[in-house]
Amino acid sequence: MADETETTQETQENKEQLIKCPCCGKLTLQKPLDIQSTVLDEYMASIIAGEPFQHTYTVYGNVDISVTVLSKSEGLKLYTVVQLLSSLVSAVNPADQSDKIKLEELSAMLQLYSGVISITAHKDNRILKSYEPSKVIWGICDKLLEMQDAIHMFVSGEANGETLDAVLKLYEANCSEAVLSAVPDVMLRAIVRTHTDLYNILMNNGFDENFWKGIELA
């Protein structure tokens, strides 16, 4: 009986955190959050400047990682390159598993680091090491797009292995700790995911009291 009472109370509390949608009339919208932070100022500045929202996250107390949301054009470019690599993977000889793995890892690296603007390690106000992963990634994307026709020819069986070798060289020259930093991929994925979540929260925060004023919700 006690469990049922607690469940009922929890359900009621959850409902109190929702407001009615003006379209369907159901309790489906989260109440706007009261964000009192410089992060909101950064977000508003990005809107005014017409630039993707970015923020710097600090880990270990001495490593700053700046992450951005991709612009529409960047998102389209990345999608095109990822699809290009996917078609290349499908065309590689099944016996060459190592090549397939490298191509798949290259695709994963492009998607992970495309929004990581910089990684800077510092101590006592002195920069020890700095990386610019996204600059490297977009450089790779541009080179792959330049090879687009050759890659399509390779996929259709009209070209030799030189095209594949050229793509693999891009992987070997750029996908390393020396170029992209030694920050663990799992940590970077968590930070990128956090930035995406933060962006969504800030975007939803626009539906505040001013937005709902004058809209009939009852």
Protein backbone atom coordinates (compact mmCIF):
# COMPACT_ATOMS: atom_id res chain seq x y z
CA MET A 1 0.00 0.00 0.00
CA ALA A 2 2.85 2.36 0.88
CA ASP A 3 4.51 1.65 -2.49
CA GLU A 4 1.30 2.55 -4.32
CA THR A 5 1.04 5.83 -2.39
CA GLU A 6 4.66 6.75 -3.22
CA THR A 7 4.09 5.93 -6.88
CA THR A 8 0.98 8.09 -6.97
CA GLN A 9 2.81 10.99 -5.33
CA GLU A 10 5.72 10.64 -7.77
CA THR A 11 3.34 10.62 -10.73
CA GLN A 12 1.61 13.73 -9.41
CA GLU A 13 4.96 15.51 -8.94
CA ASN A 14 5.97 14.62 -12.51
CA LYS A 15 2.70 16.03 -13.83
CA GLU A 16 3.29 19.26 -11.92
CA GLN A 17 6.53 19.70 -13.87
CA LEU A 18 4.60 19.71 -17.15
CA ILE A 19 2.40 22.28 -18.87
CA LYS A 20 -0.29 21.81 -21.48
CA CYS A 21 0.67 21.90 -25.13
CA PRO A 22 -1.39 24.57 -26.94
CA CYS A 23 -1.77 22.21 -29.91
CA CYS A 24 -2.93 18.93 -28.36
CA GLY A 25 -4.01 20.22 -24.93
CA LYS A 26 -2.10 17.47 -23.13
CA LEU A 27 0.56 17.70 -20.40
CA THR A 28 3.53 17.08 -22.65
CA LEU A 29 5.72 20.18 -22.37
CA GLN A 30 8.41 20.66 -19.73
CA LYS A 31 8.23 23.83 -17.68
CA PRO A 32 10.95 26.25 -18.81
CA LEU A 33 14.12 26.16 -16.76
CA ASP A 34 15.38 29.26 -15.01
CA ILE A 35 18.94 29.35 -16.32
CA GLN A 36 21.06 31.91 -14.50
CA SER A 37 24.42 31.48 -16.13
CA THR A 38 26.93 33.01 -18.51
CA VAL A 39 26.16 30.00 -20.72
CA LEU A 40 22.83 31.60 -21.62
CA ASP A 41 24.68 34.81 -22.53
CA GLU A 42 26.99 32.78 -24.78
CA TYR A 43 23.99 31.16 -26.43
CA MET A 44 22.24 34.49 -27.02
CA ALA A 45 25.47 35.94 -28.41
CA SER A 46 25.68 33.07 -30.90
CA ILE A 47 22.10 33.74 -32.05
CA ILE A 48 22.76 37.47 -32.48
CA ALA A 49 26.01 36.83 -34.35
CA GLY A 50 24.42 34.10 -36.49
CA GLU A 51 27.06 31.58 -35.44
CA PRO A 52 26.77 28.01 -34.06
CA PHE A 53 26.67 27.80 -30.27
CA GLN A 54 29.95 26.80 -28.65
CA HIS A 55 31.15 26.38 -25.10
CA THR A 56 34.38 25.42 -23.33
CA TYR A 57 34.40 22.53 -20.86
CA THR A 58 37.23 21.96 -18.40
CA VAL A 59 38.37 18.49 -17.33
CA TYR A 60 41.09 17.50 -14.87
CA GLY A 61 41.22 21.17 -13.91
CA ASN A 62 43.82 21.91 -16.58
CA VAL A 63 42.40 20.78 -19.92
CA ASP A 64 39.96 23.05 -21.80
CA ILE A 65 37.86 21.47 -24.53
CA SER A 66 35.88 23.82 -26.76
CA VAL A 67 32.92 22.24 -28.54
CA THR A 68 30.48 23.67 -31.07
CA VAL A 69 27.19 22.72 -32.66
CA LEU A 70 27.66 22.12 -36.39
CA SER A 71 26.19 24.62 -38.82
CA LYS A 72 23.73 23.37 -41.44
CA SER A 73 26.37 23.46 -44.16
CA GLU A 74 28.88 21.61 -41.96
CA GLY A 75 26.29 18.98 -41.08
CA LEU A 76 25.52 18.42 -44.77
CA LYS A 77 29.22 18.20 -45.65
CA LEU A 78 29.88 15.70 -42.86
CA TYR A 79 26.87 13.58 -43.88
CA THR A 80 28.08 13.52 -47.51
CA VAL A 81 31.59 12.42 -46.49
CA VAL A 82 30.31 9.74 -44.09
CA GLN A 83 28.09 8.31 -46.84
CA LEU A 84 31.06 8.38 -49.21
CA LEU A 85 33.18 6.39 -46.75
CA SER A 86 30.31 3.97 -46.16
CA SER A 87 30.11 3.18 -49.87
CA LEU A 88 33.90 2.77 -49.94
CA VAL A 89 33.79 0.30 -47.04
CA SER A 90 31.19 -1.80 -48.85
CA ALA A 91 33.41 -1.95 -51.93
CA VAL A 92 36.58 -3.09 -50.15
CA ASN A 93 37.56 -6.71 -50.61
CA PRO A 94 36.14 -8.73 -47.67
CA ALA A 95 39.60 -10.26 -47.22
CA ASP A 96 41.05 -6.82 -46.41
CA GLN A 97 39.46 -6.49 -42.97
CA SER A 98 42.17 -4.15 -41.71
CA ASP A 99 41.33 -1.65 -44.46
CA LYS A 100 37.63 -1.82 -43.61
CA ILE A 101 38.41 -1.20 -39.93
CA LYS A 102 40.56 1.83 -40.77
CA LEU A 103 37.86 3.32 -42.99
CA GLU A 104 35.20 2.78 -40.33
CA GLU A 105 37.46 4.32 -37.70
CA LEU A 106 38.12 7.28 -40.01
CA SER A 107 34.37 7.81 -40.35
CA ALA A 108 33.92 7.62 -36.57
CA MET A 109 36.73 10.11 -36.01
CA LEU A 110 35.24 12.57 -38.49
CA GLN A 111 31.90 12.46 -36.68
CA LEU A 112 33.41 12.74 -33.20
CA TYR A 113 35.98 15.47 -33.76
CA SER A 114 34.12 17.63 -36.30
CA GLY A 115 32.65 19.73 -33.49
CA VAL A 116 35.72 19.77 -31.21
CA ILE A 117 37.23 23.16 -31.95
CA SER A 118 40.19 23.02 -29.61
CA ILE A 119 41.81 21.01 -26.84
CA THR A 120 44.23 22.97 -24.69
CA ALA A 121 46.29 21.75 -21.76
CA HIS A 122 47.56 24.48 -19.46
CA LYS A 123 49.24 24.93 -16.10
CA ASP A 124 49.98 28.03 -14.08
CA ASN A 125 48.54 30.26 -16.84
CA ARG A 126 50.90 28.67 -19.35
CA ILE A 127 49.73 26.65 -22.36
CA LEU A 128 51.50 23.30 -22.44
CA LYS A 129 49.91 21.86 -25.58
CA SER A 130 47.09 22.82 -27.92
CA TYR A 131 45.21 20.95 -30.64
CA GLU A 132 42.62 22.01 -33.22
CA PRO A 133 40.84 18.75 -34.13
CA SER A 134 37.95 20.22 -36.11
CA LYS A 135 40.34 22.09 -38.41
CA VAL A 136 42.09 18.79 -39.17
CA ILE A 137 38.77 17.01 -39.67
CA TRP A 138 37.37 19.56 -42.11
CA GLY A 139 40.63 19.44 -44.02
CA ILE A 140 40.18 15.67 -44.39
CA CYS A 141 36.56 16.16 -45.47
CA ASP A 142 37.60 18.63 -48.18
CA LYS A 143 40.20 16.21 -49.53
CA LEU A 144 37.70 13.34 -49.55
CA LEU A 145 35.18 15.47 -51.42
CA GLU A 146 37.85 16.30 -53.99
CA MET A 147 38.28 12.53 -54.45
CA GLN A 148 34.54 11.95 -54.71
CA ASP A 149 34.51 11.00 -58.41
CA ALA A 150 37.50 8.67 -57.98
CA ILE A 151 35.83 7.00 -54.98
CA HIS A 152 32.62 6.46 -56.95
CA MET A 153 34.68 4.91 -59.76
CA PHE A 154 36.40 2.60 -57.25
CA VAL A 155 33.05 1.57 -55.80
CA SER A 156 31.72 0.78 -59.29
CA GLY A 157 34.86 -1.25 -60.07
CA GLU A 158 36.19 1.19 -62.65
CA ALA A 159 39.36 2.17 -60.77
CA ASN A 160 42.34 0.41 -59.20
CA GLY A 161 43.44 0.47 -55.59
CA GLU A 162 45.20 3.83 -55.75
CA THR A 163 42.08 5.63 -54.59
CA LEU A 164 41.72 3.38 -51.56
CA ASP A 165 45.40 3.82 -50.74
CA ALA A 166 45.02 7.60 -50.87
CA VAL A 167 42.10 7.50 -48.40
CA LEU A 168 43.98 5.16 -46.07
CA LYS A 169 46.94 7.55 -46.11
CA LEU A 170 44.63 10.31 -44.89
CA TYR A 171 43.65 8.06 -42.00
CA GLU A 172 47.21 7.15 -41.10
CA ALA A 173 48.45 10.74 -41.30
CA ASN A 174 45.71 12.31 -39.21
CA CYS A 175 43.91 9.84 -36.94
CA SER A 176 46.45 9.70 -34.14
CA GLU A 177 47.03 11.10 -30.66
CA ALA A 178 49.80 13.31 -32.02
CA VAL A 179 47.31 15.12 -34.27
CA LEU A 180 43.96 14.90 -32.45
CA SER A 181 45.21 14.73 -28.82
CA ALA A 182 45.39 11.87 -26.34
CA VAL A 183 42.12 12.76 -24.60
CA PRO A 184 40.18 9.44 -24.49
CA ASP A 185 37.49 9.11 -27.16
CA VAL A 186 34.95 8.03 -24.55
CA MET A 187 35.48 11.30 -22.66
CA LEU A 188 35.14 13.39 -25.81
CA ARG A 189 31.93 11.59 -26.76
CA ALA A 190 30.51 12.38 -23.32
CA ILE A 191 31.48 16.05 -23.66
CA VAL A 192 30.02 16.33 -27.17
CA ARG A 193 26.82 14.65 -25.97
CA THR A 194 26.69 17.04 -22.99
CA HIS A 195 27.07 20.00 -25.33
CA THR A 196 24.21 18.76 -27.50
CA ASP A 197 22.02 18.30 -24.41
CA LEU A 198 22.96 21.78 -23.17
CA TYR A 199 22.11 23.26 -26.57
CA ASN A 200 18.67 21.61 -26.50
CA ILE A 201 18.01 22.88 -22.97
CA LEU A 202 18.97 26.44 -23.94
CA MET A 203 16.84 26.23 -27.06
CA ASN A 204 13.83 24.98 -25.09
CA ASN A 205 14.40 27.77 -22.57
CA GLY A 206 13.14 30.17 -25.23
CA PHE A 207 9.64 28.90 -24.47
CA ASP A 208 9.55 30.93 -21.25
CA GLU A 209 6.82 33.02 -19.62
CA ASN A 210 7.00 35.61 -22.41
CA PHE A 211 6.35 32.94 -25.02
CA TRP A 212 3.35 31.49 -23.19
CA LYS A 213 1.86 34.89 -22.33
CA GLY A 214 -1.41 35.30 -24.17
CA ILE A 215 -1.61 31.65 -25.24
CA GLU A 216 -4.63 29.82 -23.90
CA LEU A 217 -3.49 26.59 -22.22
CA ALA A 218 -6.53 25.80 -20.11
